[in-house]
Amino acid sequence: MHKFSGVLATGTIGIGLLVGTANRADSQSKTAKITGQTMTVTGCLKQEPKEKNEYLITGEDGKTWGLKSNNVKLSEHLNHKVTVTGKVTKGGHESEAGDMNVNDLKMVSQPCQ
């Protein structure tokens, strides 16, 4: 009986490792799927404290995105509630849902509410 419980414990660990590996693969697959997609997010535009030319927006779903743009002047809309649209350039990392290159911005309200 003692040998059986050792086999059972080993089997349980093996299953746990398989599930953990599957979850990581699923997460990487979701990240790869959103890269290149066009997204629209509405929220309060903030300055990214670590990077001078990057901004942050937290959408109504609670996800935070890192924003950059070559054609939209994001700095003019700091602390405004805006709707941004752009292509996802990088999937989730650190505490962000991903990074987005903004190509359109619509003002919702000033200041954020």
PDB file of N, CA and C in Angstrom:
ATOM      1  N   MET A   1       0.823  -1.184   0.000  1.00  0.00           N
ATOM      2  CA  MET A   1       0.000   0.000   0.000  1.00  0.00           C
ATOM      3  C   MET A   1       0.868   1.249   0.000  1.00  0.00           C
ATOM      4  N   HIS A   2       1.981   1.206   0.670  1.00  0.00           N
ATOM      5  CA  HIS A   2       2.868   2.355   0.745  1.00  0.00           C
ATOM      6  C   HIS A   2       3.437   2.684  -0.644  1.00  0.00           C
ATOM      7  N   LYS A   3       3.785   1.653  -1.434  1.00  0.00           N
ATOM      8  CA  LYS A   3       4.321   1.876  -2.784  1.00  0.00           C
ATOM      9  C   LYS A   3       3.274   2.557  -3.665  1.00  0.00           C
ATOM     10  N   PHE A   4       2.050   2.174  -3.532  1.00  0.00           N
ATOM     11  CA  PHE A   4       0.973   2.745  -4.346  1.00  0.00           C
ATOM     12  C   PHE A   4       0.833   4.241  -4.108  1.00  0.00           C
ATOM     13  N   SER A   5       0.893   4.688  -2.845  1.00  0.00           N
ATOM     14  CA  SER A   5       0.733   6.106  -2.547  1.00  0.00           C
ATOM     15  C   SER A   5       1.894   6.914  -3.122  1.00  0.00           C
ATOM     16  N   GLY A   6       3.104   6.310  -3.189  1.00  0.00           N
ATOM     17  CA  GLY A   6       4.245   6.993  -3.802  1.00  0.00           C
ATOM     18  C   GLY A   6       4.012   7.201  -5.290  1.00  0.00           C
ATOM     19  N   VAL A   7       3.450   6.232  -5.958  1.00  0.00           N
ATOM     20  CA  VAL A   7       3.140   6.333  -7.382  1.00  0.00           C
ATOM     21  C   VAL A   7       2.054   7.383  -7.597  1.00  0.00           C
ATOM     22  N   LEU A   8       1.078   7.383  -6.736  1.00  0.00           N
ATOM     23  CA  LEU A   8      -0.009   8.341  -6.836  1.00  0.00           C
ATOM     24  C   LEU A   8       0.519   9.774  -6.674  1.00  0.00           C
ATOM     25  N   ALA A   9       1.384   9.986  -5.701  1.00  0.00           N
ATOM     26  CA  ALA A   9       1.947  11.322  -5.481  1.00  0.00           C
ATOM     27  C   ALA A   9       2.752  11.766  -6.688  1.00  0.00           C
ATOM     28  N   THR A  10       3.562  10.875  -7.267  1.00  0.00           N
ATOM     29  CA  THR A  10       4.353  11.210  -8.443  1.00  0.00           C
ATOM     30  C   THR A  10       3.432  11.551  -9.610  1.00  0.00           C
ATOM     31  N   GLY A  11       2.369  10.772  -9.774  1.00  0.00           N
ATOM     32  CA  GLY A  11       1.409  11.036 -10.840  1.00  0.00           C
ATOM     33  C   GLY A  11       0.752  12.392 -10.678  1.00  0.00           C
ATOM     34  N   THR A  12       0.417  12.782  -9.458  1.00  0.00           N
ATOM     35  CA  THR A  12      -0.213  14.062  -9.185  1.00  0.00           C
ATOM     36  C   THR A  12       0.735  15.213  -9.533  1.00  0.00           C
ATOM     37  N   ILE A  13       2.003  15.070  -9.175  1.00  0.00           N
ATOM     38  CA  ILE A  13       2.988  16.112  -9.511  1.00  0.00           C
ATOM     39  C   ILE A  13       3.115  16.229 -11.020  1.00  0.00           C
ATOM     40  N   GLY A  14       3.170  15.101 -11.696  1.00  0.00           N
ATOM     41  CA  GLY A  14       3.265  15.115 -13.162  1.00  0.00           C
ATOM     42  C   GLY A  14       2.090  15.830 -13.799  1.00  0.00           C
ATOM     43  N   ILE A  15       0.904  15.587 -13.309  1.00  0.00           N
ATOM     44  CA  ILE A  15      -0.295  16.256 -13.834  1.00  0.00           C
ATOM     45  C   ILE A  15      -0.223  17.754 -13.567  1.00  0.00           C
ATOM     46  N   GLY A  16       0.230  18.146 -12.371  1.00  0.00           N
ATOM     47  CA  GLY A  16       0.377  19.566 -12.040  1.00  0.00           C
ATOM     48  C   GLY A  16       1.344  20.254 -12.983  1.00  0.00           C
ATOM     49  N   LEU A  17       2.446  19.601 -13.305  1.00  0.00           N
ATOM     50  CA  LEU A  17       3.417  20.181 -14.237  1.00  0.00           C
ATOM     51  C   LEU A  17       2.814  20.328 -15.628  1.00  0.00           C
ATOM     52  N   LEU A  18       2.055  19.329 -16.044  1.00  0.00           N
ATOM     53  CA  LEU A  18       1.405  19.399 -17.356  1.00  0.00           C
ATOM     54  C   LEU A  18       0.426  20.566 -17.422  1.00  0.00           C
ATOM     55  N   VAL A  19      -0.378  20.749 -16.398  1.00  0.00           N
ATOM     56  CA  VAL A  19      -1.348  21.842 -16.363  1.00  0.00           C
ATOM     57  C   VAL A  19      -0.628  23.189 -16.376  1.00  0.00           C
ATOM     58  N   GLY A  20       0.430  23.344 -15.582  1.00  0.00           N
ATOM     59  CA  GLY A  20       1.197  24.585 -15.547  1.00  0.00           C
ATOM     60  C   GLY A  20       1.791  24.916 -16.904  1.00  0.00           C
ATOM     61  N   THR A  21       2.330  23.909 -17.596  1.00  0.00           N
ATOM     62  CA  THR A  21       2.901  24.116 -18.924  1.00  0.00           C
ATOM     63  C   THR A  21       1.807  24.505 -19.909  1.00  0.00           C
ATOM     64  N   ALA A  22       0.654  23.877 -19.827  1.00  0.00           N
ATOM     65  CA  ALA A  22      -0.458  24.198 -20.720  1.00  0.00           C
ATOM     66  C   ALA A  22      -0.933  25.631 -20.503  1.00  0.00           C
ATOM     67  N   ASN A  23      -0.997  26.088 -19.251  1.00  0.00           N
ATOM     68  CA  ASN A  23      -1.432  27.456 -18.963  1.00  0.00           C
ATOM     69  C   ASN A  23      -0.466  28.474 -19.544  1.00  0.00           C
ATOM     70  N   ARG A  24       0.850  28.225 -19.437  1.00  0.00           N
ATOM     71  CA  ARG A  24       1.844  29.145 -20.009  1.00  0.00           C
ATOM     72  C   ARG A  24       1.714  29.189 -21.524  1.00  0.00           C
ATOM     73  N   ALA A  25       1.551  28.042 -22.156  1.00  0.00           N
ATOM     74  CA  ALA A  25       1.421  27.978 -23.606  1.00  0.00           C
ATOM     75  C   ALA A  25       0.163  28.717 -24.051  1.00  0.00           C
ATOM     76  N   ASP A  26      -0.932  28.552 -23.310  1.00  0.00           N
ATOM     77  CA  ASP A  26      -2.186  29.236 -23.629  1.00  0.00           C
ATOM     78  C   ASP A  26      -2.017  30.748 -23.511  1.00  0.00           C
ATOM     79  N   SER A  27      -1.320  31.210 -22.474  1.00  0.00           N
ATOM     80  CA  SER A  27      -1.071  32.632 -22.259  1.00  0.00           C
ATOM     81  C   SER A  27      -0.219  33.205 -23.386  1.00  0.00           C
ATOM     82  N   GLN A  28       0.827  32.493 -23.795  1.00  0.00           N
ATOM     83  CA  GLN A  28       1.676  32.951 -24.893  1.00  0.00           C
ATOM     84  C   GLN A  28       0.884  32.982 -26.189  1.00  0.00           C
ATOM     85  N   SER A  29       0.003  32.022 -26.398  1.00  0.00           N
ATOM     86  CA  SER A  29      -0.823  31.966 -27.597  1.00  0.00           C
ATOM     87  C   SER A  29      -1.765  33.164 -27.658  1.00  0.00           C
ATOM     88  N   LYS A  30      -2.382  33.541 -26.524  1.00  0.00           N
ATOM     89  CA  LYS A  30      -3.272  34.704 -26.486  1.00  0.00           C
ATOM     90  C   LYS A  30      -2.507  35.981 -26.781  1.00  0.00           C
ATOM     91  N   THR A  31      -1.273  36.110 -26.240  1.00  0.00           N
ATOM     92  CA  THR A  31      -0.440  37.279 -26.478  1.00  0.00           C
ATOM     93  C   THR A  31      -0.118  37.393 -27.955  1.00  0.00           C
ATOM     94  N   ALA A  32       0.244  36.278 -28.581  1.00  0.00           N
ATOM     95  CA  ALA A  32       0.577  36.281 -30.000  1.00  0.00           C
ATOM     96  C   ALA A  32      -0.637  36.656 -30.841  1.00  0.00           C
ATOM     97  N   LYS A  33      -1.825  36.256 -30.417  1.00  0.00           N
ATOM     98  CA  LYS A  33      -3.046  36.530 -31.177  1.00  0.00           C
ATOM     99  C   LYS A  33      -3.405  38.015 -31.190  1.00  0.00           C
ATOM    100  N   ILE A  34      -3.117  38.761 -30.116  1.00  0.00           N
ATOM    101  CA  ILE A  34      -3.510  40.170 -30.093  1.00  0.00           C
ATOM    102  C   ILE A  34      -2.481  41.073 -30.764  1.00  0.00           C
ATOM    103  N   THR A  35      -1.224  40.638 -30.871  1.00  0.00           N
ATOM    104  CA  THR A  35      -0.201  41.450 -31.518  1.00  0.00           C
ATOM    105  C   THR A  35      -0.581  41.651 -32.983  1.00  0.00           C
ATOM    106  N   GLY A  36      -0.588  42.916 -33.409  1.00  0.00           N
ATOM    107  CA  GLY A  36      -0.965  43.252 -34.778  1.00  0.00           C
ATOM    108  C   GLY A  36      -2.438  43.601 -34.940  1.00  0.00           C
ATOM    109  N   GLN A  37      -3.250  43.300 -33.940  1.00  0.00           N
ATOM    110  CA  GLN A  37      -4.676  43.617 -34.025  1.00  0.00           C
ATOM    111  C   GLN A  37      -4.922  45.085 -33.703  1.00  0.00           C
ATOM    112  N   THR A  38      -5.994  45.627 -34.235  1.00  0.00           N
ATOM    113  CA  THR A  38      -6.410  46.989 -33.909  1.00  0.00           C
ATOM    114  C   THR A  38      -7.323  46.926 -32.705  1.00  0.00           C
ATOM    115  N   MET A  39      -7.018  47.768 -31.702  1.00  0.00           N
ATOM    116  CA  MET A  39      -7.793  47.803 -30.464  1.00  0.00           C
ATOM    117  C   MET A  39      -8.285  49.228 -30.226  1.00  0.00           C
ATOM    118  N   THR A  40      -9.394  49.354 -29.532  1.00  0.00           N
ATOM    119  CA  THR A  40      -9.920  50.642 -29.095  1.00  0.00           C
ATOM    120  C   THR A  40     -10.109  50.577 -27.585  1.00  0.00           C
ATOM    121  N   VAL A  41      -9.569  51.595 -26.888  1.00  0.00           N
ATOM    122  CA  VAL A  41      -9.637  51.623 -25.430  1.00  0.00           C
ATOM    123  C   VAL A  41     -10.060  53.019 -24.988  1.00  0.00           C
ATOM    124  N   THR A  42     -10.986  53.089 -24.036  1.00  0.00           N
ATOM    125  CA  THR A  42     -11.418  54.361 -23.465  1.00  0.00           C
ATOM    126  C   THR A  42     -10.998  54.395 -21.999  1.00  0.00           C
ATOM    127  N   GLY A  43     -10.354  55.508 -21.612  1.00  0.00           N
ATOM    128  CA  GLY A  43      -9.913  55.653 -20.239  1.00  0.00           C
ATOM    129  C   GLY A  43      -9.164  56.956 -20.047  1.00  0.00           C
ATOM    130  N   CYS A  44      -8.544  57.102 -18.883  1.00  0.00           N
ATOM    131  CA  CYS A  44      -7.802  58.306 -18.520  1.00  0.00           C
ATOM    132  C   CYS A  44      -6.351  58.176 -18.992  1.00  0.00           C
ATOM    133  N   LEU A  45      -5.865  59.143 -19.742  1.00  0.00           N
ATOM    134  CA  LEU A  45      -4.508  59.119 -20.274  1.00  0.00           C
ATOM    135  C   LEU A  45      -3.526  59.650 -19.232  1.00  0.00           C
ATOM    136  N   LYS A  46      -2.531  58.841 -18.902  1.00  0.00           N
ATOM    137  CA  LYS A  46      -1.505  59.191 -17.910  1.00  0.00           C
ATOM    138  C   LYS A  46      -0.126  59.089 -18.538  1.00  0.00           C
ATOM    139  N   GLN A  47       0.848  59.763 -17.934  1.00  0.00           N
ATOM    140  CA  GLN A  47       2.247  59.670 -18.357  1.00  0.00           C
ATOM    141  C   GLN A  47       2.870  58.426 -17.736  1.00  0.00           C
ATOM    142  N   GLU A  48       3.605  57.656 -18.509  1.00  0.00           N
ATOM    143  CA  GLU A  48       4.361  56.513 -17.994  1.00  0.00           C
ATOM    144  C   GLU A  48       5.560  57.075 -17.235  1.00  0.00           C
ATOM    145  N   PRO A  49       5.678  56.806 -15.928  1.00  0.00           N
ATOM    146  CA  PRO A  49       6.760  57.414 -15.140  1.00  0.00           C
ATOM    147  C   PRO A  49       8.158  56.936 -15.527  1.00  0.00           C
ATOM    148  N   LYS A  50       8.277  55.737 -16.095  1.00  0.00           N
ATOM    149  CA  LYS A  50       9.593  55.181 -16.411  1.00  0.00           C
ATOM    150  C   LYS A  50      10.117  55.607 -17.786  1.00  0.00           C
ATOM    151  N   GLU A  51       9.223  55.911 -18.724  1.00  0.00           N
ATOM    152  CA  GLU A  51       9.642  56.235 -20.082  1.00  0.00           C
ATOM    153  C   GLU A  51       9.038  57.566 -20.510  1.00  0.00           C
ATOM    154  N   LYS A  52       9.889  58.457 -21.003  1.00  0.00           N
ATOM    155  CA  LYS A  52       9.492  59.820 -21.340  1.00  0.00           C
ATOM    156  C   LYS A  52       8.403  59.887 -22.422  1.00  0.00           C
ATOM    157  N   ASN A  53       8.517  59.078 -23.454  1.00  0.00           N
ATOM    158  CA  ASN A  53       7.589  59.170 -24.579  1.00  0.00           C
ATOM    159  C   ASN A  53       6.519  58.082 -24.587  1.00  0.00           C
ATOM    160  N   GLU A  54       6.244  57.501 -23.421  1.00  0.00           N
ATOM    161  CA  GLU A  54       5.198  56.489 -23.349  1.00  0.00           C
ATOM    162  C   GLU A  54       4.124  56.936 -22.382  1.00  0.00           C
ATOM    163  N   TYR A  55       2.906  56.610 -22.732  1.00  0.00           N
ATOM    164  CA  TYR A  55       1.742  56.981 -21.938  1.00  0.00           C
ATOM    165  C   TYR A  55       0.992  55.722 -21.564  1.00  0.00           C
ATOM    166  N   LEU A  56       0.101  55.828 -20.592  1.00  0.00           N
ATOM    167  CA  LEU A  56      -0.690  54.696 -20.124  1.00  0.00           C
ATOM    168  C   LEU A  56      -2.167  55.043 -20.172  1.00  0.00           C
ATOM    169  N   ILE A  57      -2.963  54.039 -20.456  1.00  0.00           N
ATOM    170  CA  ILE A  57      -4.413  54.192 -20.365  1.00  0.00           C
ATOM    171  C   ILE A  57      -4.968  52.914 -19.751  1.00  0.00           C
ATOM    172  N   THR A  58      -5.865  53.083 -18.778  1.00  0.00           N
ATOM    173  CA  THR A  58      -6.543  51.939 -18.184  1.00  0.00           C
ATOM    174  C   THR A  58      -7.974  51.969 -18.672  1.00  0.00           C
ATOM    175  N   GLY A  59      -8.328  50.934 -19.410  1.00  0.00           N
ATOM    176  CA  GLY A  59      -9.657  50.850 -19.994  1.00  0.00           C
ATOM    177  C   GLY A  59     -10.724  50.548 -18.964  1.00  0.00           C
ATOM    178  N   GLU A  60     -11.959  50.612 -19.408  1.00  0.00           N
ATOM    179  CA  GLU A  60     -13.096  50.354 -18.528  1.00  0.00           C
ATOM    180  C   GLU A  60     -13.123  48.908 -18.058  1.00  0.00           C
ATOM    181  N   ASP A  61     -12.375  48.020 -18.755  1.00  0.00           N
ATOM    182  CA  ASP A  61     -12.290  46.618 -18.343  1.00  0.00           C
ATOM    183  C   ASP A  61     -11.184  46.383 -17.312  1.00  0.00           C
ATOM    184  N   GLY A  62     -10.460  47.475 -16.935  1.00  0.00           N
ATOM    185  CA  GLY A  62      -9.408  47.375 -15.932  1.00  0.00           C
ATOM    186  C   GLY A  62      -8.035  47.051 -16.490  1.00  0.00           C
ATOM    187  N   LYS A  63      -7.930  46.818 -17.795  1.00  0.00           N
ATOM    188  CA  LYS A  63      -6.639  46.501 -18.407  1.00  0.00           C
ATOM    189  C   LYS A  63      -5.894  47.793 -18.739  1.00  0.00           C
ATOM    190  N   THR A  64      -4.588  47.802 -18.438  1.00  0.00           N
ATOM    191  CA  THR A  64      -3.743  48.964 -18.708  1.00  0.00           C
ATOM    192  C   THR A  64      -2.888  48.706 -19.939  1.00  0.00           C
ATOM    193  N   TRP A  65      -2.825  49.708 -20.815  1.00  0.00           N
ATOM    194  CA  TRP A  65      -2.057  49.621 -22.061  1.00  0.00           C
ATOM    195  C   TRP A  65      -0.990  50.698 -22.082  1.00  0.00           C
ATOM    196  N   GLY A  66       0.188  50.352 -22.593  1.00  0.00           N
ATOM    197  CA  GLY A  66       1.244  51.317 -22.850  1.00  0.00           C
ATOM    198  C   GLY A  66       1.015  51.908 -24.230  1.00  0.00           C
ATOM    199  N   LEU A  67       1.058  53.244 -24.336  1.00  0.00           N
ATOM    200  CA  LEU A  67       0.744  53.908 -25.600  1.00  0.00           C
ATOM    201  C   LEU A  67       1.916  54.728 -26.115  1.00  0.00           C
ATOM    202  N   LYS A  68       2.113  54.656 -27.421  1.00  0.00           N
ATOM    203  CA  LYS A  68       3.054  55.531 -28.123  1.00  0.00           C
ATOM    204  C   LYS A  68       2.375  55.912 -29.430  1.00  0.00           C
ATOM    205  N   SER A  69       2.841  57.022 -30.018  1.00  0.00           N
ATOM    206  CA  SER A  69       2.296  57.419 -31.312  1.00  0.00           C
ATOM    207  C   SER A  69       3.267  58.344 -32.024  1.00  0.00           C
ATOM    208  N   ASN A  70       3.339  58.189 -33.339  1.00  0.00           N
ATOM    209  CA  ASN A  70       4.133  59.086 -34.165  1.00  0.00           C
ATOM    210  C   ASN A  70       3.286  60.205 -34.761  1.00  0.00           C
ATOM    211  N   ASN A  71       1.965  60.011 -34.837  1.00  0.00           N
ATOM    212  CA  ASN A  71       1.113  61.015 -35.478  1.00  0.00           C
ATOM    213  C   ASN A  71       0.040  61.618 -34.571  1.00  0.00           C
ATOM    214  N   VAL A  72      -0.144  61.133 -33.352  1.00  0.00           N
ATOM    215  CA  VAL A  72      -1.106  61.710 -32.414  1.00  0.00           C
ATOM    216  C   VAL A  72      -0.317  62.287 -31.243  1.00  0.00           C
ATOM    217  N   LYS A  73      -0.574  63.549 -30.901  1.00  0.00           N
ATOM    218  CA  LYS A  73       0.143  64.194 -29.795  1.00  0.00           C
ATOM    219  C   LYS A  73      -0.526  63.832 -28.473  1.00  0.00           C
ATOM    220  N   LEU A  74      -0.103  62.694 -27.924  1.00  0.00           N
ATOM    221  CA  LEU A  74      -0.688  62.185 -26.687  1.00  0.00           C
ATOM    222  C   LEU A  74      -0.461  63.142 -25.519  1.00  0.00           C
ATOM    223  N   SER A  75       0.673  63.837 -25.511  1.00  0.00           N
ATOM    224  CA  SER A  75       1.005  64.734 -24.394  1.00  0.00           C
ATOM    225  C   SER A  75      -0.019  65.848 -24.217  1.00  0.00           C
ATOM    226  N   GLU A  76      -0.716  66.217 -25.269  1.00  0.00           N
ATOM    227  CA  GLU A  76      -1.731  67.277 -25.198  1.00  0.00           C
ATOM    228  C   GLU A  76      -3.007  66.810 -24.501  1.00  0.00           C
ATOM    229  N   HIS A  77      -3.105  65.520 -24.225  1.00  0.00           N
ATOM    230  CA  HIS A  77      -4.336  64.972 -23.645  1.00  0.00           C
ATOM    231  C   HIS A  77      -4.105  64.300 -22.295  1.00  0.00           C
ATOM    232  N   LEU A  78      -2.994  64.635 -21.624  1.00  0.00           N
ATOM    233  CA  LEU A  78      -2.732  64.074 -20.300  1.00  0.00           C
ATOM    234  C   LEU A  78      -3.872  64.400 -19.342  1.00  0.00           C
ATOM    235  N   ASN A  79      -4.269  63.419 -18.558  1.00  0.00           N
ATOM    236  CA  ASN A  79      -5.345  63.542 -17.567  1.00  0.00           C
ATOM    237  C   ASN A  79      -6.703  63.872 -18.186  1.00  0.00           C
ATOM    238  N   HIS A  80      -6.867  63.533 -19.449  1.00  0.00           N
ATOM    239  CA  HIS A  80      -8.162  63.639 -20.108  1.00  0.00           C
ATOM    240  C   HIS A  80      -8.700  62.221 -20.311  1.00  0.00           C
ATOM    241  N   LYS A  81     -10.014  62.091 -20.299  1.00  0.00           N
ATOM    242  CA  LYS A  81     -10.619  60.814 -20.653  1.00  0.00           C
ATOM    243  C   LYS A  81     -10.734  60.801 -22.173  1.00  0.00           C
ATOM    244  N   VAL A  82     -10.115  59.796 -22.797  1.00  0.00           N
ATOM    245  CA  VAL A  82     -10.056  59.720 -24.255  1.00  0.00           C
ATOM    246  C   VAL A  82     -10.371  58.301 -24.715  1.00  0.00           C
ATOM    247  N   THR A  83     -10.664  58.190 -25.995  1.00  0.00           N
ATOM    248  CA  THR A  83     -10.772  56.895 -26.651  1.00  0.00           C
ATOM    249  C   THR A  83      -9.661  56.839 -27.683  1.00  0.00           C
ATOM    250  N   VAL A  84      -8.783  55.852 -27.544  1.00  0.00           N
ATOM    251  CA  VAL A  84      -7.677  55.691 -28.486  1.00  0.00           C
ATOM    252  C   VAL A  84      -7.869  54.413 -29.289  1.00  0.00           C
ATOM    253  N   THR A  85      -7.409  54.456 -30.523  1.00  0.00           N
ATOM    254  CA  THR A  85      -7.439  53.292 -31.399  1.00  0.00           C
ATOM    255  C   THR A  85      -6.044  53.130 -31.982  1.00  0.00           C
ATOM    256  N   GLY A  86      -5.571  51.908 -32.016  1.00  0.00           N
ATOM    257  CA  GLY A  86      -4.250  51.654 -32.581  1.00  0.00           C
ATOM    258  C   GLY A  86      -3.961  50.171 -32.677  1.00  0.00           C
ATOM    259  N   LYS A  87      -2.799  49.870 -33.235  1.00  0.00           N
ATOM    260  CA  LYS A  87      -2.368  48.478 -33.396  1.00  0.00           C
ATOM    261  C   LYS A  87      -1.557  48.038 -32.180  1.00  0.00           C
ATOM    262  N   VAL A  88      -1.819  46.828 -31.739  1.00  0.00           N
ATOM    263  CA  VAL A  88      -1.069  46.244 -30.638  1.00  0.00           C
ATOM    264  C   VAL A  88       0.316  45.860 -31.167  1.00  0.00           C
ATOM    265  N   THR A  89       1.357  46.416 -30.533  1.00  0.00           N
ATOM    266  CA  THR A  89       2.728  46.145 -30.958  1.00  0.00           C
ATOM    267  C   THR A  89       3.414  45.104 -30.091  1.00  0.00           C
ATOM    268  N   LYS A  90       2.880  44.903 -28.902  1.00  0.00           N
ATOM    269  CA  LYS A  90       3.467  43.927 -27.976  1.00  0.00           C
ATOM    270  C   LYS A  90       2.376  43.436 -27.041  1.00  0.00           C
ATOM    271  N   GLY A  91       2.303  42.127 -26.865  1.00  0.00           N
ATOM    272  CA  GLY A  91       1.308  41.556 -25.972  1.00  0.00           C
ATOM    273  C   GLY A  91       1.679  41.785 -24.521  1.00  0.00           C
ATOM    274  N   GLY A  92       0.885  41.266 -23.641  1.00  0.00           N
ATOM    275  CA  GLY A  92       1.029  41.481 -22.202  1.00  0.00           C
ATOM    276  C   GLY A  92       2.428  41.314 -21.651  1.00  0.00           C
ATOM    277  N   HIS A  93       2.817  42.225 -20.775  1.00  0.00           N
ATOM    278  CA  HIS A  93       4.105  42.184 -20.089  1.00  0.00           C
ATOM    279  C   HIS A  93       3.989  43.004 -18.821  1.00  0.00           C
ATOM    280  N   GLU A  94       4.777  42.624 -17.826  1.00  0.00           N
ATOM    281  CA  GLU A  94       4.737  43.275 -16.509  1.00  0.00           C
ATOM    282  C   GLU A  94       3.288  43.444 -16.068  1.00  0.00           C
ATOM    283  N   SER A  95       2.852  44.670 -15.798  1.00  0.00           N
ATOM    284  CA  SER A  95       1.475  44.876 -15.327  1.00  0.00           C
ATOM    285  C   SER A  95       0.565  45.381 -16.448  1.00  0.00           C
ATOM    286  N   GLU A  96       1.047  45.372 -17.685  1.00  0.00           N
ATOM    287  CA  GLU A  96       0.263  45.885 -18.806  1.00  0.00           C
ATOM    288  C   GLU A  96      -0.350  44.760 -19.629  1.00  0.00           C
ATOM    289  N   ALA A  97      -1.507  45.066 -20.224  1.00  0.00           N
ATOM    290  CA  ALA A  97      -2.143  44.124 -21.137  1.00  0.00           C
ATOM    291  C   ALA A  97      -1.347  44.059 -22.433  1.00  0.00           C
ATOM    292  N   GLY A  98      -0.595  45.131 -22.722  1.00  0.00           N
ATOM    293  CA  GLY A  98       0.223  45.190 -23.926  1.00  0.00           C
ATOM    294  C   GLY A  98       0.572  46.622 -24.264  1.00  0.00           C
ATOM    295  N   ASP A  99       1.243  46.792 -25.405  1.00  0.00           N
ATOM    296  CA  ASP A  99       1.594  48.116 -25.917  1.00  0.00           C
ATOM    297  C   ASP A  99       0.828  48.359 -27.206  1.00  0.00           C
ATOM    298  N   MET A 100       0.516  49.631 -27.441  1.00  0.00           N
ATOM    299  CA  MET A 100      -0.266  49.984 -28.610  1.00  0.00           C
ATOM    300  C   MET A 100       0.328  51.217 -29.277  1.00  0.00           C
ATOM    301  N   ASN A 101       0.372  51.204 -30.622  1.00  0.00           N
ATOM    302  CA  ASN A 101       0.780  52.362 -31.397  1.00  0.00           C
ATOM    303  C   ASN A 101      -0.507  53.070 -31.832  1.00  0.00           C
ATOM    304  N   VAL A 102      -0.781  54.233 -31.233  1.00  0.00           N
ATOM    305  CA  VAL A 102      -2.052  54.942 -31.430  1.00  0.00           C
ATOM    306  C   VAL A 102      -2.060  55.679 -32.763  1.00  0.00           C
ATOM    307  N   ASN A 103      -3.158  55.496 -33.533  1.00  0.00           N
ATOM    308  CA  ASN A 103      -3.308  56.249 -34.783  1.00  0.00           C
ATOM    309  C   ASN A 103      -4.549  57.135 -34.779  1.00  0.00           C
ATOM    310  N   ASP A 104      -5.367  57.047 -33.705  1.00  0.00           N
ATOM    311  CA  ASP A 104      -6.548  57.907 -33.612  1.00  0.00           C
ATOM    312  C   ASP A 104      -6.879  58.147 -32.137  1.00  0.00           C
ATOM    313  N   LEU A 105      -7.280  59.373 -31.819  1.00  0.00           N
ATOM    314  CA  LEU A 105      -7.655  59.735 -30.463  1.00  0.00           C
ATOM    315  C   LEU A 105      -8.893  60.616 -30.512  1.00  0.00           C
ATOM    316  N   LYS A 106      -9.878  60.285 -29.707  1.00  0.00           N
ATOM    317  CA  LYS A 106     -11.098  61.099 -29.591  1.00  0.00           C
ATOM    318  C   LYS A 106     -11.251  61.517 -28.138  1.00  0.00           C
ATOM    319  N   MET A 107     -11.478  62.805 -27.930  1.00  0.00           N
ATOM    320  CA  MET A 107     -11.662  63.349 -26.593  1.00  0.00           C
ATOM    321  C   MET A 107     -13.027  62.936 -26.065  1.00  0.00           C
ATOM    322  N   VAL A 108     -13.097  62.473 -24.817  1.00  0.00           N
ATOM    323  CA  VAL A 108     -14.360  62.121 -24.171  1.00  0.00           C
ATOM    324  C   VAL A 108     -14.712  63.196 -23.144  1.00  0.00           C
ATOM    325  N   SER A 109     -13.773  63.487 -22.234  1.00  0.00           N
ATOM    326  CA  SER A 109     -14.015  64.555 -21.248  1.00  0.00           C
ATOM    327  C   SER A 109     -12.688  65.093 -20.720  1.00  0.00           C
ATOM    328  N   GLN A 110     -12.780  66.277 -20.176  1.00  0.00           N
ATOM    329  CA  GLN A 110     -11.590  66.928 -19.619  1.00  0.00           C
ATOM    330  C   GLN A 110     -12.001  67.536 -18.301  1.00  0.00           C
ATOM    331  N   PRO A 111     -11.439  67.252 -17.186  1.00  0.00           N
ATOM    332  CA  PRO A 111     -10.446  66.199 -16.893  1.00  0.00           C
ATOM    333  C   PRO A 111     -11.099  64.827 -16.778  1.00  0.00           C
ATOM    334  N   CYS A 112     -10.289  63.837 -16.423  1.00  0.00           N
ATOM    335  CA  CYS A 112     -10.803  62.463 -16.245  1.00  0.00           C
ATOM    336  C   CYS A 112     -11.893  62.445 -15.201  1.00  0.00           C
ATOM    337  N   GLN A 113     -12.889  61.644 -15.425  1.00  0.00           N
ATOM    338  CA  GLN A 113     -13.985  61.493 -14.454  1.00  0.00           C
ATOM    339  C   GLN A 113     -14.383  60.057 -14.346  1.00  0.00           C
TER     340      GLN A 113
END
